[in-house]
Amino acid sequence: MAINLNYLQRCPSFDAAFGRGYGEEVDWCQKTAAQGGLHVAVPNLFVEHRGGASFGSDEKWRRIAQNNALIARRYPKYDPMVQRFIANDPLVTPRLALALAYLDSLDDLHETPVFIAHTMGGGAENYLKARLEALSPAAAVILRFGGAARCQVEVLTPNGTTTGQTNDLDAVERLMQVLNRRRIIYSCAVGDPDPVELPDFFARVAQDQHLDVLFHDYFPISPSYTLLNRDGTYRGVPPPSSDDSAHCSRRMDGTKVSLEEWRHAWGKLMQQADRVIVFSKDSRALAISAYPETRHRIEVHPHKLTKLVPKVAPPQNDRTVIGVLGNIGPQKGAAVLQAASRLLRDTPNAELVLLGRIDPAFRLSSGTICHGNYDLEDIPFLIRRYGINIWFIPSIWPETFSYTTHESLATGLPVISFDLGAQGEAVTAAPNGHIVPMKGARSDTASLAARVIQTAIALRAQTG
């Protein structure tokens, strides 16, 4: 603590009531503050306090308790003031800068990974967690978009994590300049209020550094990150001239952003990328369709299942029991599942079991079992419990990988999927996979559901 000479002369000593230590500097600061003194932090000054040997452990904690009580009696507003300081955290920026500088000083860290992520969870978040767990040393930065503040900065060090939030992207950019060796890894930024300006920001952060663009979804291609149109259907990669409202965006001031403007903004980032990483061949084809100039920089790296799902013997029953894995929202095929549920009410010896949940906007018939959340290791038990003998992947968007598809296939039971996306790619390649055409066929939900049920019943008749 550096002390102004004027206040040192006014208050030249610590209060002896505090004995040999703990709390005496707080008392001195409160007295000088009452005399008009201002206490400030100097972020660019670093003083190390190495070790502590003034007291034994028992005496230390006894003195802390006694002297804290004395501070509370003398200055009853002090503790609430400290709590407000902690809540407001005015020193978060210098602490983040210090943590970043520490990472940059690590000799065994070739470069610091800077992940661009969102706050929505899901597969992209699971992928990020796995990447972070594999780091050695535990050193990384996460710039997270779509939360309460525009950007949450998380600096992970071997000694802990420092986190701060801001709406000022220029401040984030200045912070990132502390890292002289960094690799920017775009994972997902869905949820940002003005996403068309993000590619330029990412490009500046990645200036003269390495940049990877990952396709966990299709946000770099369209604001509709699932590529679904306004009517909820998939008809391929939309051309830049598309005026479908699902493929348009708006700035924070309300200005409309066309798909052509979107592609121009994100296209510059795609051109700057050292690598464009996709997780299926189908995603590679879609990325090339939108950005053909990236063809030679696209790498296909399929995910690996985080946990092995064992092969399961088909249950011995005379029913067709269609199982669905995962939480099902609109893009995951909730409308198709709803239609199938209703059709199965009047279909003898056939039923539907959802291991997961469905969007509350959709209702399943009373005869459909909705199990709720599950753990992967429970799948063999749940197959036997409900008699599931066929899986159905209801997703209607071209998924970039689809963990649930690979988990279903791993059980060895027949798996039905539509002919699109990574899910269709995986099911087509698997010996226990069966495709129901969506392209070039009637794609209303009732027709799709009816074809799935017909396929499932036929498969059950073949396998017995």
Protein backbone atom coordinates (compact mmCIF):
# COMPACT_ATOMS: atom_id res chain seq x y z
CA MET A 1 0.00 0.00 0.00
CA ALA A 2 1.45 3.33 -1.09
CA ILE A 3 0.48 6.19 1.25
CA ASN A 4 0.15 9.89 0.49
CA LEU A 5 2.58 11.82 2.73
CA ASN A 6 -0.07 14.36 3.72
CA TYR A 7 -2.36 11.66 5.16
CA LEU A 8 0.54 9.83 6.73
CA GLN A 9 1.34 13.01 8.69
CA ARG A 10 -2.31 13.35 9.73
CA CYS A 11 -2.53 9.72 10.84
CA PRO A 12 1.09 8.62 11.47
CA SER A 13 0.50 5.22 13.08
CA PHE A 14 -1.75 2.20 13.17
CA ASP A 15 -4.13 1.76 16.09
CA ALA A 16 -2.54 -0.42 18.80
CA ALA A 17 -5.98 -1.90 19.55
CA PHE A 18 -5.37 -4.27 16.64
CA GLY A 19 -2.34 -5.80 18.32
CA ARG A 20 0.27 -7.33 16.05
CA GLY A 21 -1.88 -7.30 12.94
CA TYR A 22 -5.00 -7.94 10.81
CA GLY A 23 -7.43 -5.10 10.24
CA GLU A 24 -5.13 -2.24 11.25
CA GLU A 25 -4.76 -1.05 7.61
CA VAL A 26 -8.55 -1.12 7.16
CA ASP A 27 -8.93 1.04 10.26
CA TRP A 28 -6.28 3.49 8.97
CA CYS A 29 -7.97 3.72 5.56
CA GLN A 30 -11.39 4.36 7.10
CA LYS A 31 -9.98 7.14 9.29
CA THR A 32 -8.25 8.87 6.36
CA ALA A 33 -11.32 8.44 4.16
CA ALA A 34 -13.33 10.30 6.82
CA GLN A 35 -10.78 13.12 6.45
CA GLY A 36 -11.32 13.31 2.66
CA GLY A 37 -8.76 10.74 1.53
CA LEU A 38 -9.44 8.83 -1.66
CA HIS A 39 -8.36 5.22 -2.00
CA VAL A 40 -7.45 4.17 -5.54
CA ALA A 41 -6.02 1.12 -7.31
CA VAL A 42 -3.07 1.44 -9.68
CA PRO A 43 -3.59 -1.42 -12.16
CA ASN A 44 -0.17 -1.09 -13.83
CA LEU A 45 1.71 -1.41 -10.54
CA PHE A 46 2.44 -4.92 -9.33
CA VAL A 47 3.74 -5.65 -5.83
CA GLU A 48 4.31 -9.24 -4.79
CA HIS A 49 3.57 -10.36 -1.23
CA ARG A 50 5.48 -13.61 -0.99
CA GLY A 51 4.67 -15.96 1.87
CA GLY A 52 3.45 -15.25 5.36
CA ALA A 53 5.22 -16.04 8.61
CA SER A 54 4.01 -13.44 11.13
CA PHE A 55 1.70 -15.77 13.05
CA GLY A 56 0.98 -19.40 13.62
CA SER A 57 -2.24 -20.74 12.19
CA ASP A 58 -4.24 -20.71 15.46
CA GLU A 59 -3.19 -17.18 16.40
CA LYS A 60 -3.85 -15.95 12.85
CA TRP A 61 -7.49 -17.06 12.77
CA ARG A 62 -8.10 -15.88 16.34
CA ARG A 63 -6.78 -12.40 15.50
CA ILE A 64 -8.78 -12.27 12.24
CA ALA A 65 -12.01 -13.04 14.13
CA GLN A 66 -11.30 -10.55 16.93
CA ASN A 67 -10.17 -7.72 14.67
CA ASN A 68 -12.97 -8.23 12.13
CA ALA A 69 -15.44 -7.84 14.99
CA LEU A 70 -13.67 -4.60 16.03
CA ILE A 71 -13.88 -3.26 12.44
CA ALA A 72 -17.59 -4.12 12.29
CA ARG A 73 -18.27 -2.21 15.55
CA ARG A 74 -16.31 0.87 14.46
CA TYR A 75 -17.43 0.93 10.84
CA PRO A 76 -20.82 -0.82 10.43
CA LYS A 77 -21.03 0.33 6.76
CA TYR A 78 -17.67 -1.19 5.86
CA ASP A 79 -18.73 -4.77 5.09
CA PRO A 80 -21.70 -3.72 2.87
CA MET A 81 -19.26 -1.41 1.05
CA VAL A 82 -16.92 -4.36 0.46
CA GLN A 83 -19.79 -6.50 -0.84
CA ARG A 84 -20.80 -3.74 -3.29
CA PHE A 85 -17.19 -3.53 -4.47
CA ILE A 86 -17.09 -7.28 -5.06
CA ALA A 87 -20.41 -7.19 -6.91
CA ASN A 88 -19.39 -4.25 -9.12
CA ASP A 89 -15.86 -5.65 -9.60
CA PRO A 90 -14.28 -2.43 -10.94
CA LEU A 91 -10.86 -4.11 -11.21
CA VAL A 92 -12.02 -6.96 -13.46
CA THR A 93 -10.37 -5.47 -16.56
CA PRO A 94 -6.85 -5.24 -15.09
CA ARG A 95 -7.30 -8.70 -13.55
CA LEU A 96 -8.23 -10.08 -16.98
CA ALA A 97 -5.25 -8.32 -18.53
CA LEU A 98 -2.96 -9.74 -15.85
CA ALA A 99 -4.33 -13.25 -16.40
CA LEU A 100 -3.81 -12.90 -20.16
CA ALA A 101 -0.26 -11.68 -19.67
CA TYR A 102 0.38 -14.65 -17.40
CA LEU A 103 -0.80 -17.04 -20.12
CA ASP A 104 1.42 -15.31 -22.65
CA SER A 105 4.42 -15.82 -20.37
CA LEU A 106 4.05 -19.62 -20.08
CA ASP A 107 7.03 -21.24 -21.79
CA ASP A 108 5.23 -24.54 -22.39
CA LEU A 109 2.27 -22.87 -24.12
CA HIS A 110 2.96 -22.56 -27.85
CA GLU A 111 -0.15 -20.45 -28.41
CA THR A 112 -3.23 -19.59 -26.40
CA PRO A 113 -6.51 -20.89 -27.86
CA VAL A 114 -9.22 -18.22 -27.94
CA PHE A 115 -12.61 -19.88 -28.39
CA ILE A 116 -15.60 -17.96 -29.73
CA ALA A 117 -18.66 -19.57 -28.13
CA HIS A 118 -22.30 -18.91 -27.27
CA THR A 119 -24.39 -19.33 -24.10
CA MET A 120 -27.00 -21.77 -25.44
CA GLY A 121 -25.41 -25.08 -24.44
CA GLY A 122 -25.91 -28.10 -26.69
CA GLY A 123 -23.42 -29.97 -28.85
CA ALA A 124 -21.12 -26.99 -29.41
CA GLU A 125 -20.78 -26.49 -25.66
CA ASN A 126 -20.07 -30.19 -25.10
CA TYR A 127 -17.38 -30.01 -27.78
CA LEU A 128 -15.85 -26.96 -26.10
CA LYS A 129 -15.81 -28.65 -22.69
CA ALA A 130 -14.03 -31.66 -24.17
CA ARG A 131 -11.44 -29.41 -25.84
CA LEU A 132 -10.82 -27.55 -22.59
CA GLU A 133 -10.49 -30.76 -20.56
CA ALA A 134 -7.84 -32.00 -23.00
CA LEU A 135 -5.65 -28.89 -22.69
CA SER A 136 -2.26 -29.20 -21.04
CA PRO A 137 -1.51 -26.82 -19.50
CA ALA A 138 -5.05 -25.69 -18.66
CA ALA A 139 -4.81 -22.38 -20.49
CA ALA A 140 -7.41 -20.83 -22.78
CA VAL A 141 -9.67 -17.85 -23.38
CA ILE A 142 -13.39 -18.04 -24.12
CA LEU A 143 -15.25 -15.10 -25.67
CA ARG A 144 -18.88 -16.00 -25.08
CA PHE A 145 -21.70 -14.23 -26.96
CA GLY A 146 -25.46 -14.13 -26.48
CA GLY A 147 -25.65 -13.65 -22.71
CA ALA A 148 -26.74 -10.79 -20.45
CA ALA A 149 -23.82 -8.68 -21.70
CA ARG A 150 -22.73 -8.79 -25.30
CA CYS A 151 -19.46 -10.57 -24.56
CA GLN A 152 -18.31 -12.58 -21.57
CA VAL A 153 -14.54 -12.96 -21.35
CA GLU A 154 -13.31 -16.06 -19.52
CA VAL A 155 -9.56 -16.53 -18.97
CA LEU A 156 -8.66 -20.05 -17.86
CA THR A 157 -5.26 -20.46 -16.20
CA PRO A 158 -3.69 -23.37 -14.28
CA ASN A 159 -4.50 -21.37 -11.12
CA GLY A 160 -8.17 -20.65 -11.81
CA THR A 161 -10.55 -18.69 -14.02
CA THR A 162 -11.13 -14.94 -14.27
CA THR A 163 -14.40 -13.78 -15.83
CA GLY A 164 -15.73 -10.40 -16.92
CA GLN A 165 -18.60 -9.08 -19.04
CA THR A 166 -18.86 -6.08 -21.34
CA ASN A 167 -20.84 -4.61 -24.22
CA ASP A 168 -17.70 -2.91 -25.57
CA LEU A 169 -16.13 -5.07 -28.28
CA ASP A 170 -13.32 -2.53 -28.75
CA ALA A 171 -12.30 -3.16 -25.13
CA VAL A 172 -12.29 -6.90 -25.78
CA GLU A 173 -10.14 -6.39 -28.85
CA ARG A 174 -7.61 -4.36 -26.85
CA LEU A 175 -7.51 -7.07 -24.18
CA MET A 176 -6.76 -9.74 -26.78
CA GLN A 177 -3.73 -7.78 -27.94
CA VAL A 178 -2.07 -8.79 -24.67
CA LEU A 179 -1.75 -12.28 -26.14
CA ASN A 180 1.12 -12.24 -28.61
CA ARG A 181 0.61 -15.93 -29.44
CA ARG A 182 -3.03 -16.83 -29.94
CA ARG A 183 -5.20 -19.03 -32.15
CA ILE A 184 -8.76 -17.82 -32.67
CA ILE A 185 -11.24 -20.71 -32.88
CA TYR A 186 -14.72 -19.67 -33.97
CA SER A 187 -17.17 -22.22 -32.59
CA CYS A 188 -20.55 -20.45 -32.50
CA ALA A 189 -21.92 -16.96 -31.88
CA VAL A 190 -25.67 -17.56 -32.24
CA GLY A 191 -27.61 -15.22 -29.95
CA ASP A 192 -25.60 -12.03 -30.49
CA PRO A 193 -27.86 -8.96 -31.03
CA ASP A 194 -25.88 -7.68 -34.05
CA PRO A 195 -24.18 -10.73 -35.57
CA VAL A 196 -23.39 -9.22 -38.97
CA GLU A 197 -20.67 -7.08 -37.39
CA LEU A 198 -19.05 -10.00 -35.59
CA PRO A 199 -16.99 -11.36 -38.52
CA ASP A 200 -15.08 -8.08 -38.80
CA PHE A 201 -14.47 -8.10 -35.04
CA PHE A 202 -13.21 -11.71 -35.15
CA ALA A 203 -10.98 -10.82 -38.11
CA ARG A 204 -9.40 -7.95 -36.15
CA VAL A 205 -8.83 -10.15 -33.10
CA ALA A 206 -7.21 -12.75 -35.38
CA GLN A 207 -5.04 -10.22 -37.22
CA ASP A 208 -1.60 -11.77 -37.92
CA GLN A 209 -2.62 -14.81 -35.85
CA HIS A 210 -4.08 -18.23 -36.66
CA LEU A 211 -7.82 -18.57 -37.27
CA ASP A 212 -10.02 -21.68 -37.39
CA VAL A 213 -13.73 -21.55 -38.32
CA LEU A 214 -15.78 -24.50 -37.03
CA PHE A 215 -19.18 -25.47 -38.44
CA HIS A 216 -21.23 -26.60 -35.45
CA ASP A 217 -24.14 -25.02 -37.31
CA TYR A 218 -24.59 -22.89 -40.43
CA PHE A 219 -24.48 -19.42 -38.89
CA PRO A 220 -21.61 -18.37 -41.21
CA ILE A 221 -23.92 -19.18 -44.14
CA SER A 222 -27.22 -17.72 -42.93
CA PRO A 223 -28.87 -16.05 -39.91
CA SER A 224 -31.06 -19.17 -40.00
CA TYR A 225 -28.30 -21.31 -38.53
CA THR A 226 -30.24 -24.51 -39.29
CA LEU A 227 -30.78 -23.38 -42.92
CA LEU A 228 -34.54 -23.78 -42.45
CA ASN A 229 -36.74 -21.37 -44.38
CA ARG A 230 -39.47 -19.19 -42.93
CA ASP A 231 -41.98 -22.04 -43.33
CA GLY A 232 -39.73 -24.39 -41.35
CA THR A 233 -38.59 -26.46 -44.33
CA TYR A 234 -35.10 -27.17 -45.69
CA ARG A 235 -34.53 -26.64 -49.40
CA GLY A 236 -30.76 -26.53 -49.58
CA VAL A 237 -28.32 -23.66 -49.18
CA PRO A 238 -30.23 -20.47 -50.03
CA PRO A 239 -28.71 -18.26 -52.76
CA PRO A 240 -27.46 -14.80 -51.71
CA SER A 241 -30.43 -13.29 -53.57
CA SER A 242 -32.94 -15.06 -51.29
CA ASP A 243 -35.48 -12.72 -49.71
CA ASP A 244 -36.88 -15.36 -47.34
CA SER A 245 -37.18 -13.57 -43.98
CA ALA A 246 -35.55 -16.46 -42.13
CA HIS A 247 -32.33 -15.76 -44.03
CA CYS A 248 -32.33 -12.03 -43.28
CA SER A 249 -31.18 -10.28 -40.13
CA ARG A 250 -31.47 -6.89 -38.47
CA ARG A 251 -28.90 -4.61 -36.88
CA MET A 252 -29.44 -3.31 -33.36
CA ASP A 253 -30.78 -0.05 -34.85
CA GLY A 254 -33.39 -1.99 -36.84
CA THR A 255 -31.62 -1.81 -40.21
CA LYS A 256 -32.37 -4.87 -42.34
CA VAL A 257 -29.45 -7.08 -43.38
CA SER A 258 -29.95 -9.07 -46.57
CA LEU A 259 -28.49 -12.54 -47.07
CA GLU A 260 -26.14 -11.06 -49.67
CA GLU A 261 -24.77 -8.61 -47.08
CA TRP A 262 -24.53 -11.43 -44.54
CA ARG A 263 -22.50 -13.61 -46.92
CA HIS A 264 -20.23 -10.68 -47.76
CA ALA A 265 -19.47 -10.08 -44.07
CA TRP A 266 -18.94 -13.71 -43.10
CA GLY A 267 -17.24 -14.50 -46.40
CA LYS A 268 -14.34 -12.22 -45.54
CA LEU A 269 -13.80 -14.17 -42.31
CA MET A 270 -13.97 -17.46 -44.22
CA GLN A 271 -11.29 -16.22 -46.60
CA GLN A 272 -9.04 -15.19 -43.69
CA ALA A 273 -9.37 -18.59 -41.97
CA ASP A 274 -6.39 -20.91 -42.01
CA ARG A 275 -8.73 -23.86 -41.60
CA VAL A 276 -12.46 -24.42 -41.93
CA ILE A 277 -13.34 -27.48 -39.85
CA VAL A 278 -16.55 -29.41 -40.45
CA PHE A 279 -17.76 -32.62 -38.81
CA SER A 280 -19.31 -34.45 -41.76
CA LYS A 281 -18.94 -34.72 -45.53
CA ASP A 282 -22.42 -33.29 -45.95
CA SER A 283 -21.40 -30.14 -44.04
CA ARG A 284 -18.34 -29.84 -46.27
CA ALA A 285 -20.55 -29.86 -49.36
CA LEU A 286 -22.87 -27.20 -47.91
CA ALA A 287 -19.93 -24.98 -46.89
CA ILE A 288 -18.45 -25.25 -50.39
CA SER A 289 -21.84 -24.43 -51.90
CA ALA A 290 -21.86 -21.11 -50.02
CA TYR A 291 -18.11 -20.38 -50.13
CA PRO A 292 -16.49 -22.32 -53.02
CA GLU A 293 -13.19 -20.48 -52.55
CA THR A 294 -12.69 -22.26 -49.20
CA ARG A 295 -12.74 -25.74 -50.79
CA HIS A 296 -9.03 -26.46 -50.24
CA ARG A 297 -9.03 -25.26 -46.64
CA ILE A 298 -11.95 -27.35 -45.44
CA GLU A 299 -11.08 -30.30 -43.22
CA VAL A 300 -13.55 -33.00 -42.14
CA HIS A 301 -13.08 -34.09 -38.51
CA PRO A 302 -16.05 -36.19 -37.32
CA HIS A 303 -16.70 -36.08 -33.60
CA LYS A 304 -16.08 -39.09 -31.39
CA LEU A 305 -18.73 -40.23 -28.95
CA THR A 306 -17.85 -39.08 -25.44
CA LYS A 307 -19.10 -42.40 -24.06
CA LEU A 308 -19.38 -45.77 -25.79
CA VAL A 309 -22.91 -47.08 -26.27
CA PRO A 310 -22.96 -50.91 -26.25
CA LYS A 311 -24.68 -53.05 -28.84
CA VAL A 312 -28.03 -54.31 -27.55
CA ALA A 313 -29.98 -57.46 -28.44
CA PRO A 314 -33.44 -56.60 -29.86
CA PRO A 315 -36.17 -57.01 -27.23
CA GLN A 316 -38.41 -60.03 -27.72
CA ASN A 317 -41.90 -58.67 -28.28
CA ASP A 318 -44.55 -58.60 -31.01
CA ARG A 319 -44.91 -54.80 -31.10
CA THR A 320 -43.24 -52.10 -33.18
CA VAL A 321 -41.76 -49.74 -30.59
CA ILE A 322 -40.16 -46.67 -32.15
CA GLY A 323 -37.64 -44.94 -29.90
CA VAL A 324 -36.42 -41.37 -30.22
CA LEU A 325 -33.36 -40.05 -28.40
CA GLY A 326 -32.80 -36.50 -27.17
CA ASN A 327 -34.64 -33.26 -26.56
CA ILE A 328 -36.76 -32.41 -29.59
CA GLY A 329 -37.40 -28.84 -30.71
CA PRO A 330 -38.86 -27.56 -34.00
CA GLN A 331 -35.66 -28.07 -36.05
CA LYS A 332 -35.19 -31.48 -34.46
CA GLY A 333 -38.53 -32.60 -35.88
CA ALA A 334 -41.02 -31.88 -33.09
CA ALA A 335 -43.88 -31.44 -35.59
CA VAL A 336 -43.11 -34.79 -37.25
CA LEU A 337 -42.96 -36.47 -33.85
CA GLN A 338 -46.28 -34.92 -32.87
CA ALA A 339 -47.88 -36.17 -36.10
CA ALA A 340 -46.42 -39.66 -35.64
CA SER A 341 -47.71 -39.75 -32.08
CA ARG A 342 -51.24 -39.00 -33.25
CA LEU A 343 -51.10 -41.52 -36.11
CA LEU A 344 -49.89 -44.27 -33.77
CA ARG A 345 -52.99 -43.91 -31.59
CA ASP A 346 -54.89 -45.78 -34.31
CA THR A 347 -52.07 -48.13 -35.33
CA PRO A 348 -52.28 -51.57 -33.68
CA ASN A 349 -49.20 -53.06 -32.05
CA ALA A 350 -47.11 -49.92 -32.59
CA GLU A 351 -46.09 -47.18 -30.21
CA LEU A 352 -43.66 -44.32 -29.70
CA VAL A 353 -41.20 -43.75 -26.85
CA LEU A 354 -39.30 -40.49 -26.42
CA LEU A 355 -36.16 -40.72 -24.29
CA GLY A 356 -35.89 -36.99 -23.67
CA ARG A 357 -38.31 -34.09 -23.85
CA ILE A 358 -40.27 -32.24 -26.52
CA ASP A 359 -40.77 -28.50 -26.97
CA PRO A 360 -43.86 -27.51 -24.91
CA ALA A 361 -45.43 -25.97 -28.04
CA PHE A 362 -45.95 -29.52 -29.32
CA ARG A 363 -48.11 -32.17 -27.68
CA LEU A 364 -47.73 -35.92 -27.85
CA SER A 365 -50.76 -38.20 -27.61
CA SER A 366 -51.57 -39.86 -24.31
CA GLY A 367 -50.33 -43.22 -25.58
CA THR A 368 -46.81 -41.93 -26.21
CA ILE A 369 -44.24 -42.41 -23.46
CA CYS A 370 -42.13 -39.34 -22.72
CA HIS A 371 -39.39 -40.63 -20.43
CA GLY A 372 -37.56 -37.32 -19.86
CA ASN A 373 -33.84 -36.87 -19.31
CA TYR A 374 -31.55 -39.87 -19.38
CA ASP A 375 -27.86 -40.79 -19.13
CA LEU A 376 -26.10 -42.55 -21.98
CA GLU A 377 -25.21 -45.51 -19.81
CA ASP A 378 -28.94 -46.03 -19.17
CA ILE A 379 -29.80 -46.63 -22.85
CA PRO A 380 -29.50 -50.47 -22.78
CA PHE A 381 -31.73 -50.63 -19.68
CA LEU A 382 -34.30 -48.23 -21.23
CA ILE A 383 -34.40 -50.26 -24.45
CA ARG A 384 -35.34 -53.34 -22.44
CA ARG A 385 -37.72 -51.44 -20.16
CA TYR A 386 -39.80 -49.99 -23.00
CA GLY A 387 -39.20 -52.73 -25.58
CA ILE A 388 -37.67 -50.32 -28.12
CA ASN A 389 -36.75 -52.20 -31.30
CA ILE A 390 -36.37 -49.38 -33.86
CA TRP A 391 -34.89 -45.89 -33.58
CA PHE A 392 -36.11 -42.82 -35.42
CA ILE A 393 -34.09 -39.60 -35.97
CA PRO A 394 -36.81 -36.98 -36.65
CA SER A 395 -34.52 -34.00 -37.33
CA ILE A 396 -35.59 -31.93 -40.37
CA TRP A 397 -32.46 -29.76 -40.68
CA PRO A 398 -29.11 -30.88 -42.12
CA GLU A 399 -27.30 -31.54 -38.87
CA THR A 400 -23.56 -30.99 -38.82
CA PHE A 401 -22.87 -34.24 -36.95
CA SER A 402 -25.71 -35.58 -34.71
CA TYR A 403 -24.53 -37.43 -31.63
CA THR A 404 -27.92 -39.07 -31.13
CA THR A 405 -27.75 -40.62 -34.61
CA HIS A 406 -24.39 -42.26 -33.84
CA GLU A 407 -25.57 -43.33 -30.39
CA SER A 408 -28.67 -44.96 -31.91
CA LEU A 409 -26.62 -46.71 -34.59
CA ALA A 410 -24.18 -47.99 -31.95
CA THR A 411 -26.94 -50.04 -30.29
CA GLY A 412 -27.22 -52.21 -33.42
CA LEU A 413 -30.99 -51.71 -33.65
CA PRO A 414 -32.47 -50.46 -36.96
CA VAL A 415 -32.30 -46.67 -37.30
CA ILE A 416 -34.57 -44.57 -39.53
CA SER A 417 -33.63 -41.08 -40.70
CA PHE A 418 -34.54 -38.62 -43.42
CA ASP A 419 -32.15 -38.25 -46.34
CA LEU A 420 -30.44 -35.02 -45.32
CA GLY A 421 -27.53 -33.74 -43.28
CA ALA A 422 -24.95 -35.61 -41.27
CA GLN A 423 -27.70 -37.78 -39.83
CA GLY A 424 -28.68 -39.03 -43.29
CA GLU A 425 -25.03 -39.50 -44.21
CA ALA A 426 -24.36 -41.66 -41.14
CA VAL A 427 -27.55 -43.71 -41.47
CA THR A 428 -26.94 -44.33 -45.18
CA ALA A 429 -23.45 -45.66 -44.45
CA ALA A 430 -24.52 -47.94 -41.57
CA PRO A 431 -25.64 -51.56 -42.10
CA ASN A 432 -28.54 -50.98 -39.68
CA GLY A 433 -29.52 -47.66 -41.24
CA HIS A 434 -32.71 -47.04 -43.22
CA ILE A 435 -33.54 -43.83 -45.11
CA VAL A 436 -36.97 -42.28 -45.57
CA PRO A 437 -36.82 -39.84 -48.51
CA MET A 438 -37.62 -36.22 -47.78
CA LYS A 439 -36.12 -34.65 -50.90
CA GLY A 440 -38.50 -34.72 -53.86
CA ALA A 441 -41.33 -36.21 -51.80
CA ARG A 442 -44.32 -34.75 -49.98
CA SER A 443 -42.74 -33.07 -46.98
CA ASP A 444 -45.77 -32.10 -44.91
CA THR A 445 -45.42 -33.45 -41.41
CA ALA A 446 -48.32 -35.92 -41.63
CA SER A 447 -46.92 -37.49 -44.82
CA LEU A 448 -43.42 -37.72 -43.37
CA ALA A 449 -44.72 -39.28 -40.16
CA ALA A 450 -46.83 -41.81 -42.09
CA ARG A 451 -43.84 -42.92 -44.20
CA VAL A 452 -41.70 -43.33 -41.07
CA ILE A 453 -44.34 -45.50 -39.39
CA GLN A 454 -44.79 -47.61 -42.54
CA THR A 455 -41.02 -48.11 -42.77
CA ALA A 456 -40.77 -49.04 -39.08
CA ILE A 457 -43.61 -51.60 -39.31
CA ALA A 458 -42.08 -53.14 -42.45
CA LEU A 459 -38.66 -53.38 -40.79
CA ARG A 460 -40.19 -55.00 -37.73
CA ALA A 461 -41.94 -57.56 -39.92
CA GLN A 462 -38.64 -58.41 -41.65
CA THR A 463 -36.62 -58.77 -38.44
CA GLY A 464 -39.30 -60.49 -36.41
